[in-house]
Amino acid sequence: MKTRFIADPVRYRTMTTTQIRETFLIDNLCVPGEIHQVYIDLDRAVVGMAAPLKNRIALTADDTLRAKSFTE
């Protein structure tokens, strides 16, 4: 699971277009046969996508969540 730290208002004013894009754009979520997740610190939210093919994909709790299960 990747972690995104959203820019504060002061830092945001000095960021380039590339830096803003890298901070806010979540891409490459849809990879067949894999699960990808991004933890966003501002809302303490997880954005992700699972694209199972033939095998099941386990939705486990990453250490970032500090939980026993993903839905805890």
N, C-alpha and C. Protein backbone atom coordinates (compact mmCIF):
# COMPACT_ATOMS: atom_id res chain seq x y z
N MET A 1 0.85 -1.18 0.00
CA MET A 1 0.00 0.00 0.00
C MET A 1 0.90 1.24 0.00
N LYS A 2 0.62 2.10 -0.94
CA LYS A 2 1.35 3.37 -1.00
C LYS A 2 0.67 4.37 -0.07
N THR A 3 1.43 5.32 0.43
CA THR A 3 0.89 6.38 1.28
C THR A 3 1.10 7.72 0.61
N ARG A 4 0.05 8.53 0.57
CA ARG A 4 0.14 9.88 0.01
C ARG A 4 -0.04 10.89 1.12
N PHE A 5 0.89 11.82 1.20
CA PHE A 5 0.79 12.92 2.15
C PHE A 5 0.38 14.16 1.37
N ILE A 6 -0.82 14.62 1.62
CA ILE A 6 -1.36 15.75 0.88
C ILE A 6 -0.66 17.04 1.34
N ALA A 7 -0.39 17.91 0.39
CA ALA A 7 0.32 19.17 0.67
C ALA A 7 -0.54 20.11 1.50
N ASP A 8 0.10 20.77 2.44
CA ASP A 8 -0.60 21.79 3.22
C ASP A 8 -0.73 23.07 2.39
N PRO A 9 -1.59 24.00 2.79
CA PRO A 9 -1.82 25.22 1.99
C PRO A 9 -0.55 26.02 1.69
N VAL A 10 0.40 26.05 2.62
CA VAL A 10 1.63 26.82 2.40
C VAL A 10 2.49 26.13 1.33
N ARG A 11 2.69 24.85 1.46
CA ARG A 11 3.51 24.11 0.49
C ARG A 11 2.84 24.06 -0.88
N TYR A 12 1.53 23.97 -0.90
CA TYR A 12 0.79 23.89 -2.16
C TYR A 12 1.07 25.09 -3.06
N ARG A 13 1.19 26.27 -2.48
CA ARG A 13 1.42 27.51 -3.26
C ARG A 13 2.75 27.51 -4.00
N THR A 14 3.70 26.73 -3.52
CA THR A 14 5.04 26.73 -4.13
C THR A 14 5.29 25.52 -5.03
N MET A 15 4.29 24.66 -5.17
CA MET A 15 4.47 23.43 -5.94
C MET A 15 4.35 23.66 -7.45
N THR A 16 5.15 22.89 -8.20
CA THR A 16 5.06 22.93 -9.65
C THR A 16 3.88 22.05 -10.09
N THR A 17 3.54 22.15 -11.36
CA THR A 17 2.46 21.32 -11.90
C THR A 17 2.79 19.84 -11.73
N THR A 18 4.02 19.47 -11.96
CA THR A 18 4.44 18.08 -11.81
C THR A 18 4.29 17.61 -10.37
N GLN A 19 4.69 18.44 -9.42
CA GLN A 19 4.56 18.08 -8.01
C GLN A 19 3.10 17.94 -7.59
N ILE A 20 2.25 18.82 -8.08
CA ILE A 20 0.81 18.72 -7.77
C ILE A 20 0.25 17.43 -8.35
N ARG A 21 0.62 17.14 -9.57
CA ARG A 21 0.15 15.91 -10.22
C ARG A 21 0.59 14.68 -9.43
N GLU A 22 1.84 14.63 -9.02
CA GLU A 22 2.36 13.49 -8.26
C GLU A 22 1.69 13.36 -6.89
N THR A 23 1.25 14.47 -6.32
CA THR A 23 0.60 14.45 -5.01
C THR A 23 -0.84 13.98 -5.09
N PHE A 24 -1.58 14.42 -6.10
CA PHE A 24 -3.02 14.18 -6.13
C PHE A 24 -3.49 13.09 -7.09
N LEU A 25 -2.77 12.82 -8.16
CA LEU A 25 -3.21 11.85 -9.15
C LEU A 25 -2.93 10.43 -8.66
N ILE A 26 -3.97 9.61 -8.67
CA ILE A 26 -3.81 8.20 -8.34
C ILE A 26 -4.01 7.44 -9.65
N ASP A 27 -2.93 6.86 -10.14
CA ASP A 27 -3.02 6.11 -11.39
C ASP A 27 -2.51 4.69 -11.19
N ASN A 28 -2.59 3.90 -12.20
CA ASN A 28 -2.13 2.52 -12.19
C ASN A 28 -2.85 1.66 -11.15
N LEU A 29 -4.11 1.96 -10.87
CA LEU A 29 -4.87 1.13 -9.92
C LEU A 29 -5.34 -0.16 -10.57
N CYS A 30 -5.70 -0.12 -11.82
CA CYS A 30 -6.29 -1.28 -12.49
C CYS A 30 -5.21 -2.11 -13.18
N VAL A 31 -4.73 -3.11 -12.46
CA VAL A 31 -3.75 -4.04 -13.01
C VAL A 31 -4.36 -5.44 -12.89
N PRO A 32 -4.66 -6.09 -14.00
CA PRO A 32 -5.30 -7.40 -13.95
C PRO A 32 -4.52 -8.40 -13.09
N GLY A 33 -5.24 -9.06 -12.19
CA GLY A 33 -4.63 -10.07 -11.33
C GLY A 33 -3.98 -9.53 -10.07
N GLU A 34 -4.13 -8.23 -9.81
CA GLU A 34 -3.49 -7.62 -8.64
C GLU A 34 -4.45 -6.72 -7.90
N ILE A 35 -4.06 -6.36 -6.68
CA ILE A 35 -4.80 -5.37 -5.90
C ILE A 35 -3.83 -4.23 -5.59
N HIS A 36 -4.30 -3.02 -5.80
CA HIS A 36 -3.49 -1.84 -5.53
C HIS A 36 -4.28 -0.91 -4.62
N GLN A 37 -3.60 -0.36 -3.62
CA GLN A 37 -4.25 0.52 -2.65
C GLN A 37 -3.36 1.72 -2.37
N VAL A 38 -4.01 2.86 -2.13
CA VAL A 38 -3.30 4.08 -1.75
C VAL A 38 -3.97 4.64 -0.51
N TYR A 39 -3.17 4.86 0.54
CA TYR A 39 -3.67 5.46 1.77
C TYR A 39 -3.43 6.96 1.69
N ILE A 40 -4.48 7.75 1.91
CA ILE A 40 -4.38 9.21 1.83
C ILE A 40 -4.48 9.76 3.25
N ASP A 41 -3.43 10.44 3.69
CA ASP A 41 -3.36 10.88 5.08
C ASP A 41 -4.39 11.93 5.45
N LEU A 42 -4.78 12.78 4.53
CA LEU A 42 -5.69 13.88 4.84
C LEU A 42 -7.04 13.38 5.39
N ASP A 43 -7.62 12.42 4.71
CA ASP A 43 -8.93 11.89 5.11
C ASP A 43 -8.81 10.54 5.80
N ARG A 44 -7.60 10.05 5.95
CA ARG A 44 -7.37 8.70 6.46
C ARG A 44 -8.23 7.71 5.69
N ALA A 45 -8.15 7.79 4.38
CA ALA A 45 -8.95 6.97 3.48
C ALA A 45 -8.05 6.08 2.63
N VAL A 46 -8.61 4.97 2.19
CA VAL A 46 -7.90 4.07 1.30
C VAL A 46 -8.67 4.04 -0.02
N VAL A 47 -7.94 4.30 -1.10
CA VAL A 47 -8.50 4.20 -2.44
C VAL A 47 -7.80 3.01 -3.09
N GLY A 48 -8.58 2.15 -3.70
CA GLY A 48 -7.95 1.00 -4.29
C GLY A 48 -8.83 0.28 -5.27
N MET A 49 -8.24 -0.73 -5.88
CA MET A 49 -8.97 -1.55 -6.84
C MET A 49 -8.37 -2.94 -6.86
N ALA A 50 -9.25 -3.93 -6.88
CA ALA A 50 -8.83 -5.32 -7.05
C ALA A 50 -9.35 -5.79 -8.39
N ALA A 51 -8.48 -6.40 -9.16
CA ALA A 51 -8.86 -6.91 -10.47
C ALA A 51 -8.49 -8.39 -10.56
N PRO A 52 -9.25 -9.24 -9.86
CA PRO A 52 -8.91 -10.68 -9.88
C PRO A 52 -9.20 -11.29 -11.25
N LEU A 53 -8.39 -12.26 -11.60
CA LEU A 53 -8.61 -12.99 -12.85
C LEU A 53 -9.07 -14.40 -12.50
N LYS A 54 -8.17 -15.35 -12.51
CA LYS A 54 -8.53 -16.74 -12.19
C LYS A 54 -8.39 -17.04 -10.71
N ASN A 55 -7.47 -16.38 -10.04
CA ASN A 55 -7.21 -16.65 -8.63
C ASN A 55 -7.83 -15.58 -7.74
N ARG A 56 -8.13 -15.95 -6.52
CA ARG A 56 -8.65 -14.99 -5.55
C ARG A 56 -7.53 -14.06 -5.11
N ILE A 57 -7.92 -12.86 -4.73
CA ILE A 57 -6.97 -11.89 -4.20
C ILE A 57 -7.40 -11.56 -2.78
N ALA A 58 -6.50 -11.73 -1.83
CA ALA A 58 -6.82 -11.47 -0.43
C ALA A 58 -6.78 -9.97 -0.14
N LEU A 59 -7.81 -9.50 0.53
CA LEU A 59 -7.87 -8.10 0.96
C LEU A 59 -7.40 -8.06 2.41
N THR A 60 -6.11 -7.88 2.59
CA THR A 60 -5.51 -7.92 3.92
C THR A 60 -5.26 -6.51 4.44
N ALA A 61 -5.08 -6.42 5.74
CA ALA A 61 -4.80 -5.12 6.37
C ALA A 61 -3.31 -4.85 6.29
N ASP A 62 -2.96 -3.79 5.63
CA ASP A 62 -1.57 -3.35 5.55
C ASP A 62 -1.14 -2.82 6.92
N ASP A 63 0.15 -2.84 7.21
CA ASP A 63 0.65 -2.33 8.50
C ASP A 63 0.27 -0.86 8.71
N THR A 64 0.09 -0.12 7.63
CA THR A 64 -0.30 1.28 7.71
C THR A 64 -1.62 1.45 8.45
N LEU A 65 -2.52 0.51 8.29
CA LEU A 65 -3.85 0.60 8.90
C LEU A 65 -3.85 0.27 10.39
N ARG A 66 -2.83 -0.46 10.83
CA ARG A 66 -2.75 -0.89 12.23
C ARG A 66 -4.06 -1.55 12.68
N ALA A 67 -4.50 -2.51 11.88
CA ALA A 67 -5.75 -3.21 12.15
C ALA A 67 -5.55 -4.70 11.88
N LYS A 68 -6.42 -5.51 12.46
CA LYS A 68 -6.34 -6.95 12.24
C LYS A 68 -6.89 -7.35 10.88
N SER A 69 -7.90 -6.62 10.42
CA SER A 69 -8.48 -6.90 9.10
C SER A 69 -8.68 -5.58 8.37
N PHE A 70 -8.85 -5.65 7.06
CA PHE A 70 -9.00 -4.44 6.26
C PHE A 70 -10.24 -3.65 6.64
N THR A 71 -11.30 -4.34 7.02
CA THR A 71 -12.58 -3.66 7.31
C THR A 71 -12.74 -3.29 8.78
N GLU A 72 -11.72 -3.46 9.58
CA GLU A 72 -11.82 -3.12 11.01
C GLU A 72 -11.89 -1.63 11.23
